Amino acid sequence: MPMRMTLMSSPSMLVTSESVTEGHPDKMCDQIADAVLDDILRHDPSARVACEVATTTGLVVIIGEISTSHHVDYTKIARQTIHEIGYTKPEYGFDTESCGVVVSVKEQ
């Protein structure tokens, strides 16, 4: 990021941040990724985890590079997290039972 110099020749920086509200897809993705990490570390504290989650209406995609001795049921974790968030009915536009879950995870 380019830095600007003020009249006193001291650098200044422009700082920005993003905030999303409850129910935003980014929050759901973060919670699913956290649940995957928590499950893995609970069973394999020395695991290496780089996990990303994306979502759109009716679909969750879990991708990353994960090295662990633990068998991870990604679909179960995603559905359980979605249920805990409260997306439990089709009329909400997203629900735990009918959404698709795509997993593409390889070893680090």
PDB file of N, CA and C in Angstrom:
ATOM      1  N   MET A   1       0.850  -1.159   0.000  1.00  0.00           N
ATOM      2  CA  MET A   1       0.000   0.000   0.000  1.00  0.00           C
ATOM      3  C   MET A   1       0.902   1.230   0.000  1.00  0.00           C
ATOM      4  N   PRO A   2       0.679   2.184  -0.917  1.00  0.00           N
ATOM      5  CA  PRO A   2       1.516   3.376  -0.944  1.00  0.00           C
ATOM      6  C   PRO A   2       1.283   4.218   0.304  1.00  0.00           C
ATOM      7  N   MET A   3       2.350   4.816   0.788  1.00  0.00           N
ATOM      8  CA  MET A   3       2.242   5.667   1.967  1.00  0.00           C
ATOM      9  C   MET A   3       2.327   7.121   1.540  1.00  0.00           C
ATOM     10  N   ARG A   4       1.565   7.952   2.197  1.00  0.00           N
ATOM     11  CA  ARG A   4       1.608   9.385   1.916  1.00  0.00           C
ATOM     12  C   ARG A   4       2.488  10.065   2.945  1.00  0.00           C
ATOM     13  N   MET A   5       3.131  11.109   2.552  1.00  0.00           N
ATOM     14  CA  MET A   5       3.945  11.891   3.473  1.00  0.00           C
ATOM     15  C   MET A   5       3.200  13.178   3.788  1.00  0.00           C
ATOM     16  N   THR A   6       3.134  13.513   5.053  1.00  0.00           N
ATOM     17  CA  THR A   6       2.500  14.764   5.451  1.00  0.00           C
ATOM     18  C   THR A   6       3.536  15.873   5.422  1.00  0.00           C
ATOM     19  N   LEU A   7       3.122  17.072   5.742  1.00  0.00           N
ATOM     20  CA  LEU A   7       4.053  18.201   5.751  1.00  0.00           C
ATOM     21  C   LEU A   7       5.208  17.976   6.705  1.00  0.00           C
ATOM     22  N   MET A   8       4.990  17.186   7.734  1.00  0.00           N
ATOM     23  CA  MET A   8       6.048  16.936   8.708  1.00  0.00           C
ATOM     24  C   MET A   8       6.907  15.738   8.299  1.00  0.00           C
ATOM     25  N   SER A   9       6.689  15.207   7.122  1.00  0.00           N
ATOM     26  CA  SER A   9       7.454  14.076   6.596  1.00  0.00           C
ATOM     27  C   SER A   9       7.283  12.796   7.409  1.00  0.00           C
ATOM     28  N   SER A  10       6.147  12.630   8.040  1.00  0.00           N
ATOM     29  CA  SER A  10       5.899  11.359   8.716  1.00  0.00           C
ATOM     30  C   SER A  10       4.873  10.567   7.907  1.00  0.00           C
ATOM     31  N   PRO A  11       5.089   9.271   7.810  1.00  0.00           N
ATOM     32  CA  PRO A  11       4.181   8.457   6.994  1.00  0.00           C
ATOM     33  C   PRO A  11       2.792   8.353   7.633  1.00  0.00           C
ATOM     34  N   SER A  12       1.792   8.272   6.788  1.00  0.00           N
ATOM     35  CA  SER A  12       0.433   8.021   7.274  1.00  0.00           C
ATOM     36  C   SER A  12      -0.150   6.879   6.459  1.00  0.00           C
ATOM     37  N   MET A  13      -1.078   6.176   7.061  1.00  0.00           N
ATOM     38  CA  MET A  13      -1.693   5.041   6.386  1.00  0.00           C
ATOM     39  C   MET A  13      -3.201   5.180   6.450  1.00  0.00           C
ATOM     40  N   LEU A  14      -3.866   4.699   5.431  1.00  0.00           N
ATOM     41  CA  LEU A  14      -5.312   4.637   5.405  1.00  0.00           C
ATOM     42  C   LEU A  14      -5.709   3.226   5.820  1.00  0.00           C
ATOM     43  N   VAL A  15      -6.503   3.101   6.873  1.00  0.00           N
ATOM     44  CA  VAL A  15      -6.913   1.811   7.388  1.00  0.00           C
ATOM     45  C   VAL A  15      -8.395   1.624   7.101  1.00  0.00           C
ATOM     46  N   THR A  16      -8.749   0.468   6.546  1.00  0.00           N
ATOM     47  CA  THR A  16     -10.152   0.167   6.273  1.00  0.00           C
ATOM     48  C   THR A  16     -10.511  -1.159   6.930  1.00  0.00           C
ATOM     49  N   SER A  17     -11.785  -1.383   7.101  1.00  0.00           N
ATOM     50  CA  SER A  17     -12.244  -2.665   7.626  1.00  0.00           C
ATOM     51  C   SER A  17     -13.610  -2.975   7.039  1.00  0.00           C
ATOM     52  N   GLU A  18     -13.967  -4.234   7.103  1.00  0.00           N
ATOM     53  CA  GLU A  18     -15.263  -4.680   6.596  1.00  0.00           C
ATOM     54  C   GLU A  18     -16.045  -5.269   7.758  1.00  0.00           C
ATOM     55  N   SER A  19     -17.314  -5.008   7.782  1.00  0.00           N
ATOM     56  CA  SER A  19     -18.179  -5.579   8.811  1.00  0.00           C
ATOM     57  C   SER A  19     -19.456  -6.064   8.142  1.00  0.00           C
ATOM     58  N   VAL A  20     -19.876  -7.262   8.489  1.00  0.00           N
ATOM     59  CA  VAL A  20     -21.114  -7.801   7.932  1.00  0.00           C
ATOM     60  C   VAL A  20     -22.064  -8.118   9.078  1.00  0.00           C
ATOM     61  N   THR A  21     -23.348  -8.151   8.771  1.00  0.00           N
ATOM     62  CA  THR A  21     -24.349  -8.363   9.811  1.00  0.00           C
ATOM     63  C   THR A  21     -24.635  -9.845  10.020  1.00  0.00           C
ATOM     64  N   GLU A  22     -25.339 -10.128  11.099  1.00  0.00           N
ATOM     65  CA  GLU A  22     -25.740 -11.490  11.426  1.00  0.00           C
ATOM     66  C   GLU A  22     -26.517 -12.101  10.261  1.00  0.00           C
ATOM     67  N   GLY A  23     -26.219 -13.346   9.943  1.00  0.00           N
ATOM     68  CA  GLY A  23     -26.904 -14.022   8.849  1.00  0.00           C
ATOM     69  C   GLY A  23     -26.226 -13.857   7.502  1.00  0.00           C
ATOM     70  N   HIS A  24     -25.194 -13.014   7.430  1.00  0.00           N
ATOM     71  CA  HIS A  24     -24.464 -12.811   6.170  1.00  0.00           C
ATOM     72  C   HIS A  24     -23.708 -14.098   5.818  1.00  0.00           C
ATOM     73  N   PRO A  25     -23.646 -14.446   4.539  1.00  0.00           N
ATOM     74  CA  PRO A  25     -22.939 -15.672   4.131  1.00  0.00           C
ATOM     75  C   PRO A  25     -21.492 -15.747   4.626  1.00  0.00           C
ATOM     76  N   ASP A  26     -20.796 -14.619   4.714  1.00  0.00           N
ATOM     77  CA  ASP A  26     -19.412 -14.641   5.213  1.00  0.00           C
ATOM     78  C   ASP A  26     -19.347 -15.193   6.632  1.00  0.00           C
ATOM     79  N   LYS A  27     -20.319 -14.836   7.450  1.00  0.00           N
ATOM     80  CA  LYS A  27     -20.332 -15.325   8.833  1.00  0.00           C
ATOM     81  C   LYS A  27     -20.575 -16.835   8.871  1.00  0.00           C
ATOM     82  N   MET A  28     -21.479 -17.323   8.022  1.00  0.00           N
ATOM     83  CA  MET A  28     -21.728 -18.758   7.968  1.00  0.00           C
ATOM     84  C   MET A  28     -20.459 -19.484   7.519  1.00  0.00           C
ATOM     85  N   CYS A  29     -19.796 -18.970   6.519  1.00  0.00           N
ATOM     86  CA  CYS A  29     -18.561 -19.591   6.029  1.00  0.00           C
ATOM     87  C   CYS A  29     -17.508 -19.644   7.131  1.00  0.00           C
ATOM     88  N   ASP A  30     -17.348 -18.540   7.852  1.00  0.00           N
ATOM     89  CA  ASP A  30     -16.375 -18.502   8.947  1.00  0.00           C
ATOM     90  C   ASP A  30     -16.713 -19.531  10.019  1.00  0.00           C
ATOM     91  N   GLN A  31     -17.988 -19.667  10.353  1.00  0.00           N
ATOM     92  CA  GLN A  31     -18.389 -20.620  11.389  1.00  0.00           C
ATOM     93  C   GLN A  31     -18.165 -22.062  10.947  1.00  0.00           C
ATOM     94  N   ILE A  32     -18.410 -22.356   9.678  1.00  0.00           N
ATOM     95  CA  ILE A  32     -18.164 -23.715   9.178  1.00  0.00           C
ATOM     96  C   ILE A  32     -16.666 -24.006   9.191  1.00  0.00           C
ATOM     97  N   ALA A  33     -15.853 -23.072   8.715  1.00  0.00           N
ATOM     98  CA  ALA A  33     -14.397 -23.264   8.721  1.00  0.00           C
ATOM     99  C   ALA A  33     -13.884 -23.445  10.149  1.00  0.00           C
ATOM    100  N   ASP A  34     -14.397 -22.651  11.086  1.00  0.00           N
ATOM    101  CA  ASP A  34     -14.001 -22.791  12.491  1.00  0.00           C
ATOM    102  C   ASP A  34     -14.396 -24.156  13.042  1.00  0.00           C
ATOM    103  N   ALA A  35     -15.587 -24.636  12.686  1.00  0.00           N
ATOM    104  CA  ALA A  35     -16.051 -25.943  13.167  1.00  0.00           C
ATOM    105  C   ALA A  35     -15.179 -27.069  12.614  1.00  0.00           C
ATOM    106  N   VAL A  36     -14.769 -26.961  11.351  1.00  0.00           N
ATOM    107  CA  VAL A  36     -13.864 -27.951  10.759  1.00  0.00           C
ATOM    108  C   VAL A  36     -12.540 -27.949  11.523  1.00  0.00           C
ATOM    109  N   LEU A  37     -11.975 -26.765  11.732  1.00  0.00           N
ATOM    110  CA  LEU A  37     -10.703 -26.651  12.450  1.00  0.00           C
ATOM    111  C   LEU A  37     -10.825 -27.206  13.868  1.00  0.00           C
ATOM    112  N   ASP A  38     -11.883 -26.830  14.580  1.00  0.00           N
ATOM    113  CA  ASP A  38     -12.078 -27.318  15.952  1.00  0.00           C
ATOM    114  C   ASP A  38     -12.160 -28.841  15.999  1.00  0.00           C
ATOM    115  N   ASP A  39     -12.904 -29.437  15.063  1.00  0.00           N
ATOM    116  CA  ASP A  39     -13.043 -30.891  15.023  1.00  0.00           C
ATOM    117  C   ASP A  39     -11.692 -31.562  14.792  1.00  0.00           C
ATOM    118  N   ILE A  40     -10.933 -31.031  13.860  1.00  0.00           N
ATOM    119  CA  ILE A  40      -9.630 -31.628  13.546  1.00  0.00           C
ATOM    120  C   ILE A  40      -8.680 -31.508  14.731  1.00  0.00           C
ATOM    121  N   LEU A  41      -8.568 -30.309  15.300  1.00  0.00           N
ATOM    122  CA  LEU A  41      -7.614 -30.106  16.392  1.00  0.00           C
ATOM    123  C   LEU A  41      -8.013 -30.864  17.660  1.00  0.00           C
ATOM    124  N   ARG A  42      -9.298 -31.112  17.843  1.00  0.00           N
ATOM    125  CA  ARG A  42      -9.760 -31.892  18.994  1.00  0.00           C
ATOM    126  C   ARG A  42      -9.214 -33.324  18.917  1.00  0.00           C
ATOM    127  N   HIS A  43      -9.084 -33.840  17.697  1.00  0.00           N
ATOM    128  CA  HIS A  43      -8.631 -35.218  17.512  1.00  0.00           C
ATOM    129  C   HIS A  43      -7.160 -35.341  17.115  1.00  0.00           C
ATOM    130  N   ASP A  44      -6.597 -34.278  16.571  1.00  0.00           N
ATOM    131  CA  ASP A  44      -5.216 -34.320  16.077  1.00  0.00           C
ATOM    132  C   ASP A  44      -4.566 -32.946  16.262  1.00  0.00           C
ATOM    133  N   PRO A  45      -4.039 -32.687  17.469  1.00  0.00           N
ATOM    134  CA  PRO A  45      -3.469 -31.367  17.759  1.00  0.00           C
ATOM    135  C   PRO A  45      -2.292 -30.967  16.867  1.00  0.00           C
ATOM    136  N   SER A  46      -1.661 -31.919  16.203  1.00  0.00           N
ATOM    137  CA  SER A  46      -0.525 -31.573  15.346  1.00  0.00           C
ATOM    138  C   SER A  46      -0.917 -31.450  13.868  1.00  0.00           C
ATOM    139  N   ALA A  47      -2.205 -31.438  13.589  1.00  0.00           N
ATOM    140  CA  ALA A  47      -2.680 -31.324  12.200  1.00  0.00           C
ATOM    141  C   ALA A  47      -2.277 -29.982  11.602  1.00  0.00           C
ATOM    142  N   ARG A  48      -2.224 -29.956  10.278  1.00  0.00           N
ATOM    143  CA  ARG A  48      -1.991 -28.705   9.534  1.00  0.00           C
ATOM    144  C   ARG A  48      -3.244 -28.434   8.716  1.00  0.00           C
ATOM    145  N   VAL A  49      -3.811 -27.249   8.902  1.00  0.00           N
ATOM    146  CA  VAL A  49      -5.119 -26.955   8.315  1.00  0.00           C
ATOM    147  C   VAL A  49      -5.104 -25.614   7.595  1.00  0.00           C
ATOM    148  N   ALA A  50      -5.469 -25.635   6.326  1.00  0.00           N
ATOM    149  CA  ALA A  50      -5.735 -24.422   5.542  1.00  0.00           C
ATOM    150  C   ALA A  50      -7.083 -24.667   4.869  1.00  0.00           C
ATOM    151  N   CYS A  51      -8.136 -24.142   5.474  1.00  0.00           N
ATOM    152  CA  CYS A  51      -9.501 -24.450   5.042  1.00  0.00           C
ATOM    153  C   CYS A  51     -10.239 -23.171   4.682  1.00  0.00           C
ATOM    154  N   GLU A  52     -10.885 -23.175   3.536  1.00  0.00           N
ATOM    155  CA  GLU A  52     -11.705 -22.047   3.087  1.00  0.00           C
ATOM    156  C   GLU A  52     -13.104 -22.560   2.796  1.00  0.00           C
ATOM    157  N   VAL A  53     -14.091 -21.713   3.039  1.00  0.00           N
ATOM    158  CA  VAL A  53     -15.482 -22.077   2.779  1.00  0.00           C
ATOM    159  C   VAL A  53     -16.141 -20.949   2.000  1.00  0.00           C
ATOM    160  N   ALA A  54     -16.912 -21.324   0.989  1.00  0.00           N
ATOM    161  CA  ALA A  54     -17.699 -20.359   0.209  1.00  0.00           C
ATOM    162  C   ALA A  54     -19.131 -20.868   0.159  1.00  0.00           C
ATOM    163  N   THR A  55     -20.067 -19.948  -0.005  1.00  0.00           N
ATOM    164  CA  THR A  55     -21.465 -20.359  -0.073  1.00  0.00           C
ATOM    165  C   THR A  55     -22.251 -19.469  -1.017  1.00  0.00           C
ATOM    166  N   THR A  56     -23.285 -20.058  -1.567  1.00  0.00           N
ATOM    167  CA  THR A  56     -24.278 -19.335  -2.346  1.00  0.00           C
ATOM    168  C   THR A  56     -25.606 -20.019  -2.044  1.00  0.00           C
ATOM    169  N   THR A  57     -26.672 -19.530  -2.569  1.00  0.00           N
ATOM    170  CA  THR A  57     -27.978 -20.103  -2.246  1.00  0.00           C
ATOM    171  C   THR A  57     -27.990 -21.613  -2.487  1.00  0.00           C
ATOM    172  N   GLY A  58     -28.204 -22.359  -1.423  1.00  0.00           N
ATOM    173  CA  GLY A  58     -28.332 -23.806  -1.527  1.00  0.00           C
ATOM    174  C   GLY A  58     -27.052 -24.591  -1.680  1.00  0.00           C
ATOM    175  N   LEU A  59     -25.894 -23.951  -1.536  1.00  0.00           N
ATOM    176  CA  LEU A  59     -24.635 -24.658  -1.758  1.00  0.00           C
ATOM    177  C   LEU A  59     -23.540 -24.149  -0.827  1.00  0.00           C
ATOM    178  N   VAL A  60     -22.792 -25.100  -0.259  1.00  0.00           N
ATOM    179  CA  VAL A  60     -21.602 -24.805   0.535  1.00  0.00           C
ATOM    180  C   VAL A  60     -20.430 -25.507  -0.139  1.00  0.00           C
ATOM    181  N   VAL A  61     -19.313 -24.808  -0.292  1.00  0.00           N
ATOM    182  CA  VAL A  61     -18.112 -25.385  -0.887  1.00  0.00           C
ATOM    183  C   VAL A  61     -16.984 -25.278   0.138  1.00  0.00           C
ATOM    184  N   ILE A  62     -16.392 -26.413   0.465  1.00  0.00           N
ATOM    185  CA  ILE A  62     -15.275 -26.465   1.411  1.00  0.00           C
ATOM    186  C   ILE A  62     -14.041 -26.880   0.628  1.00  0.00           C
ATOM    187  N   ILE A  63     -13.021 -26.037   0.653  1.00  0.00           N
ATOM    188  CA  ILE A  63     -11.793 -26.325  -0.086  1.00  0.00           C
ATOM    189  C   ILE A  63     -10.594 -26.104   0.826  1.00  0.00           C
ATOM    190  N   GLY A  64      -9.472 -26.685   0.454  1.00  0.00           N
ATOM    191  CA  GLY A  64      -8.270 -26.413   1.217  1.00  0.00           C
ATOM    192  C   GLY A  64      -7.258 -27.523   1.146  1.00  0.00           C
ATOM    193  N   GLU A  65      -6.250 -27.356   1.998  1.00  0.00           N
ATOM    194  CA  GLU A  65      -5.178 -28.329   2.146  1.00  0.00           C
ATOM    195  C   GLU A  65      -5.096 -28.675   3.624  1.00  0.00           C
ATOM    196  N   ILE A  66      -5.326 -29.933   3.944  1.00  0.00           N
ATOM    197  CA  ILE A  66      -5.388 -30.359   5.339  1.00  0.00           C
ATOM    198  C   ILE A  66      -4.618 -31.658   5.505  1.00  0.00           C
ATOM    199  N   SER A  67      -3.709 -31.670   6.463  1.00  0.00           N
ATOM    200  CA  SER A  67      -2.975 -32.886   6.803  1.00  0.00           C
ATOM    201  C   SER A  67      -3.348 -33.272   8.227  1.00  0.00           C
ATOM    202  N   THR A  68      -3.999 -34.422   8.377  1.00  0.00           N
ATOM    203  CA  THR A  68      -4.436 -34.891   9.687  1.00  0.00           C
ATOM    204  C   THR A  68      -4.585 -36.405   9.673  1.00  0.00           C
ATOM    205  N   SER A  69      -4.426 -36.998  10.839  1.00  0.00           N
ATOM    206  CA  SER A  69      -4.672 -38.434  10.975  1.00  0.00           C
ATOM    207  C   SER A  69      -6.146 -38.706  11.266  1.00  0.00           C
ATOM    208  N   HIS A  70      -6.907 -37.654  11.529  1.00  0.00           N
ATOM    209  CA  HIS A  70      -8.328 -37.767  11.881  1.00  0.00           C
ATOM    210  C   HIS A  70      -9.188 -37.809  10.617  1.00  0.00           C
ATOM    211  N   HIS A  71     -10.176 -38.710  10.589  1.00  0.00           N
ATOM    212  CA  HIS A  71     -11.140 -38.726   9.483  1.00  0.00           C
ATOM    213  C   HIS A  71     -12.150 -37.614   9.730  1.00  0.00           C
ATOM    214  N   VAL A  72     -12.269 -36.689   8.792  1.00  0.00           N
ATOM    215  CA  VAL A  72     -13.147 -35.530   8.944  1.00  0.00           C
ATOM    216  C   VAL A  72     -14.402 -35.737   8.105  1.00  0.00           C
ATOM    217  N   ASP A  73     -15.565 -35.632   8.728  1.00  0.00           N
ATOM    218  CA  ASP A  73     -16.838 -35.706   8.014  1.00  0.00           C
ATOM    219  C   ASP A  73     -17.275 -34.268   7.723  1.00  0.00           C
ATOM    220  N   TYR A  74     -16.737 -33.705   6.648  1.00  0.00           N
ATOM    221  CA  TYR A  74     -16.965 -32.300   6.310  1.00  0.00           C
ATOM    222  C   TYR A  74     -18.447 -31.989   6.115  1.00  0.00           C
ATOM    223  N   THR A  75     -19.156 -32.875   5.441  1.00  0.00           N
ATOM    224  CA  THR A  75     -20.581 -32.641   5.182  1.00  0.00           C
ATOM    225  C   THR A  75     -21.361 -32.582   6.487  1.00  0.00           C
ATOM    226  N   LYS A  76     -21.092 -33.506   7.386  1.00  0.00           N
ATOM    227  CA  LYS A  76     -21.782 -33.520   8.678  1.00  0.00           C
ATOM    228  C   LYS A  76     -21.489 -32.241   9.460  1.00  0.00           C
ATOM    229  N   ILE A  77     -20.241 -31.821   9.482  1.00  0.00           N
ATOM    230  CA  ILE A  77     -19.862 -30.604  10.203  1.00  0.00           C
ATOM    231  C   ILE A  77     -20.558 -29.393   9.600  1.00  0.00           C
ATOM    232  N   ALA A  78     -20.579 -29.296   8.273  1.00  0.00           N
ATOM    233  CA  ALA A  78     -21.230 -28.159   7.616  1.00  0.00           C
ATOM    234  C   ALA A  78     -22.715 -28.136   7.938  1.00  0.00           C
ATOM    235  N   ARG A  79     -23.382 -29.265   7.795  1.00  0.00           N
ATOM    236  CA  ARG A  79     -24.831 -29.320   8.052  1.00  0.00           C
ATOM    237  C   ARG A  79     -25.159 -29.018   9.523  1.00  0.00           C
ATOM    238  N   GLN A  80     -24.356 -29.540  10.431  1.00  0.00           N
ATOM    239  CA  GLN A  80     -24.586 -29.285  11.854  1.00  0.00           C
ATOM    240  C   GLN A  80     -24.420 -27.794  12.163  1.00  0.00           C
ATOM    241  N   THR A  81     -23.411 -27.174  11.593  1.00  0.00           N
ATOM    242  CA  THR A  81     -23.179 -25.747  11.816  1.00  0.00           C
ATOM    243  C   THR A  81     -24.322 -24.919  11.244  1.00  0.00           C
ATOM    244  N   ILE A  82     -24.762 -25.257  10.042  1.00  0.00           N
ATOM    245  CA  ILE A  82     -25.881 -24.537   9.413  1.00  0.00           C
ATOM    246  C   ILE A  82     -27.137 -24.673  10.272  1.00  0.00           C
ATOM    247  N   HIS A  83     -27.356 -25.865  10.809  1.00  0.00           N
ATOM    248  CA  HIS A  83     -28.510 -26.098  11.686  1.00  0.00           C
ATOM    249  C   HIS A  83     -28.408 -25.235  12.950  1.00  0.00           C
ATOM    250  N   GLU A  84     -27.221 -25.194  13.553  1.00  0.00           N
ATOM    251  CA  GLU A  84     -27.016 -24.398  14.767  1.00  0.00           C
ATOM    252  C   GLU A  84     -27.225 -22.909  14.506  1.00  0.00           C
ATOM    253  N   ILE A  85     -26.883 -22.450  13.310  1.00  0.00           N
ATOM    254  CA  ILE A  85     -27.097 -21.046  12.951  1.00  0.00           C
ATOM    255  C   ILE A  85     -28.586 -20.752  12.862  1.00  0.00           C
ATOM    256  N   GLY A  86     -29.371 -21.750  12.431  1.00  0.00           N
ATOM    257  CA  GLY A  86     -30.817 -21.569  12.377  1.00  0.00           C
ATOM    258  C   GLY A  86     -31.433 -21.674  10.998  1.00  0.00           C
ATOM    259  N   TYR A  87     -30.633 -22.047   9.999  1.00  0.00           N
ATOM    260  CA  TYR A  87     -31.183 -22.246   8.652  1.00  0.00           C
ATOM    261  C   TYR A  87     -31.758 -23.656   8.577  1.00  0.00           C
ATOM    262  N   THR A  88     -32.998 -23.804   9.053  1.00  0.00           N
ATOM    263  CA  THR A  88     -33.603 -25.125   9.202  1.00  0.00           C
ATOM    264  C   THR A  88     -34.845 -25.337   8.345  1.00  0.00           C
ATOM    265  N   LYS A  89     -35.254 -24.327   7.588  1.00  0.00           N
ATOM    266  CA  LYS A  89     -36.470 -24.441   6.772  1.00  0.00           C
ATOM    267  C   LYS A  89     -36.201 -23.952   5.354  1.00  0.00           C
ATOM    268  N   PRO A  90     -36.718 -24.660   4.347  1.00  0.00           N
ATOM    269  CA  PRO A  90     -36.509 -24.244   2.953  1.00  0.00           C
ATOM    270  C   PRO A  90     -36.982 -22.817   2.672  1.00  0.00           C
ATOM    271  N   GLU A  91     -38.018 -22.372   3.360  1.00  0.00           N
ATOM    272  CA  GLU A  91     -38.521 -21.018   3.102  1.00  0.00           C
ATOM    273  C   GLU A  91     -37.525 -19.929   3.519  1.00  0.00           C
ATOM    274  N   TYR A  92     -36.484 -20.300   4.264  1.00  0.00           N
ATOM    275  CA  TYR A  92     -35.442 -19.326   4.608  1.00  0.00           C
ATOM    276  C   TYR A  92     -34.502 -19.077   3.427  1.00  0.00           C
ATOM    277  N   GLY A  93     -34.642 -19.885   2.380  1.00  0.00           N
ATOM    278  CA  GLY A  93     -33.769 -19.743   1.217  1.00  0.00           C
ATOM    279  C   GLY A  93     -32.496 -20.561   1.325  1.00  0.00           C
ATOM    280  N   PHE A  94     -32.306 -21.170   2.466  1.00  0.00           N
ATOM    281  CA  PHE A  94     -31.123 -21.993   2.706  1.00  0.00           C
ATOM    282  C   PHE A  94     -31.467 -22.880   3.887  1.00  0.00           C
ATOM    283  N   ASP A  95     -31.284 -24.187   3.754  1.00  0.00           N
ATOM    284  CA  ASP A  95     -31.551 -25.026   4.914  1.00  0.00           C
ATOM    285  C   ASP A  95     -30.598 -26.205   4.975  1.00  0.00           C
ATOM    286  N   THR A  96     -30.423 -26.670   6.171  1.00  0.00           N
ATOM    287  CA  THR A  96     -29.424 -27.686   6.462  1.00  0.00           C
ATOM    288  C   THR A  96     -29.662 -29.014   5.754  1.00  0.00           C
ATOM    289  N   GLU A  97     -30.915 -29.362   5.503  1.00  0.00           N
ATOM    290  CA  GLU A  97     -31.219 -30.663   4.917  1.00  0.00           C
ATOM    291  C   GLU A  97     -31.077 -30.702   3.397  1.00  0.00           C
ATOM    292  N   SER A  98     -31.408 -29.605   2.722  1.00  0.00           N
ATOM    293  CA  SER A  98     -31.438 -29.657   1.258  1.00  0.00           C
ATOM    294  C   SER A  98     -30.248 -28.985   0.577  1.00  0.00           C
ATOM    295  N   CYS A  99     -29.408 -28.288   1.324  1.00  0.00           N
ATOM    296  CA  CYS A  99     -28.279 -27.620   0.661  1.00  0.00           C
ATOM    297  C   CYS A  99     -27.254 -28.659   0.205  1.00  0.00           C
ATOM    298  N   GLY A 100     -26.578 -28.345  -0.879  1.00  0.00           N
ATOM    299  CA  GLY A 100     -25.499 -29.198  -1.343  1.00  0.00           C
ATOM    300  C   GLY A 100     -24.215 -28.842  -0.617  1.00  0.00           C
ATOM    301  N   VAL A 101     -23.364 -29.828  -0.401  1.00  0.00           N
ATOM    302  CA  VAL A 101     -22.058 -29.592   0.212  1.00  0.00           C
ATOM    303  C   VAL A 101     -21.013 -30.226  -0.693  1.00  0.00           C
ATOM    304  N   VAL A 102     -20.137 -29.403  -1.246  1.00  0.00           N
ATOM    305  CA  VAL A 102     -19.063 -29.870  -2.120  1.00  0.00           C
ATOM    306  C   VAL A 102     -17.752 -29.736  -1.355  1.00  0.00           C
ATOM    307  N   VAL A 103     -16.960 -30.798  -1.355  1.00  0.00           N
ATOM    308  CA  VAL A 103     -15.695 -30.794  -0.624  1.00  0.00           C
ATOM    309  C   VAL A 103     -14.561 -31.103  -1.592  1.00  0.00           C
ATOM    310  N   SER A 104     -13.559 -30.241  -1.595  1.00  0.00           N
ATOM    311  CA  SER A 104     -12.354 -30.480  -2.386  1.00  0.00           C
ATOM    312  C   SER A 104     -11.152 -30.139  -1.505  1.00  0.00           C
ATOM    313  N   VAL A 105     -10.711 -31.142  -0.758  1.00  0.00           N
ATOM    314  CA  VAL A 105      -9.618 -30.955   0.196  1.00  0.00           C
ATOM    315  C   VAL A 105      -8.517 -31.944  -0.152  1.00  0.00           C
ATOM    316  N   LYS A 106      -7.301 -31.448  -0.222  1.00  0.00           N
ATOM    317  CA  LYS A 106      -6.165 -32.340  -0.455  1.00  0.00           C
ATOM    318  C   LYS A 106      -5.189 -32.210   0.708  1.00  0.00           C
ATOM    319  N   GLU A 107      -4.233 -33.107   0.758  1.00  0.00           N
ATOM    320  CA  GLU A 107      -3.245 -33.090   1.832  1.00  0.00           C
ATOM    321  C   GLU A 107      -2.203 -32.005   1.577  1.00  0.00           C
ATOM    322  N   GLN A 108      -1.761 -31.371   2.659  1.00  0.00           N
ATOM    323  CA  GLN A 108      -0.711 -30.337   2.548  1.00  0.00           C
ATOM    324  C   GLN A 108       0.616 -30.989   2.271  1.00  0.00           C
TER     325      GLN A 108
END
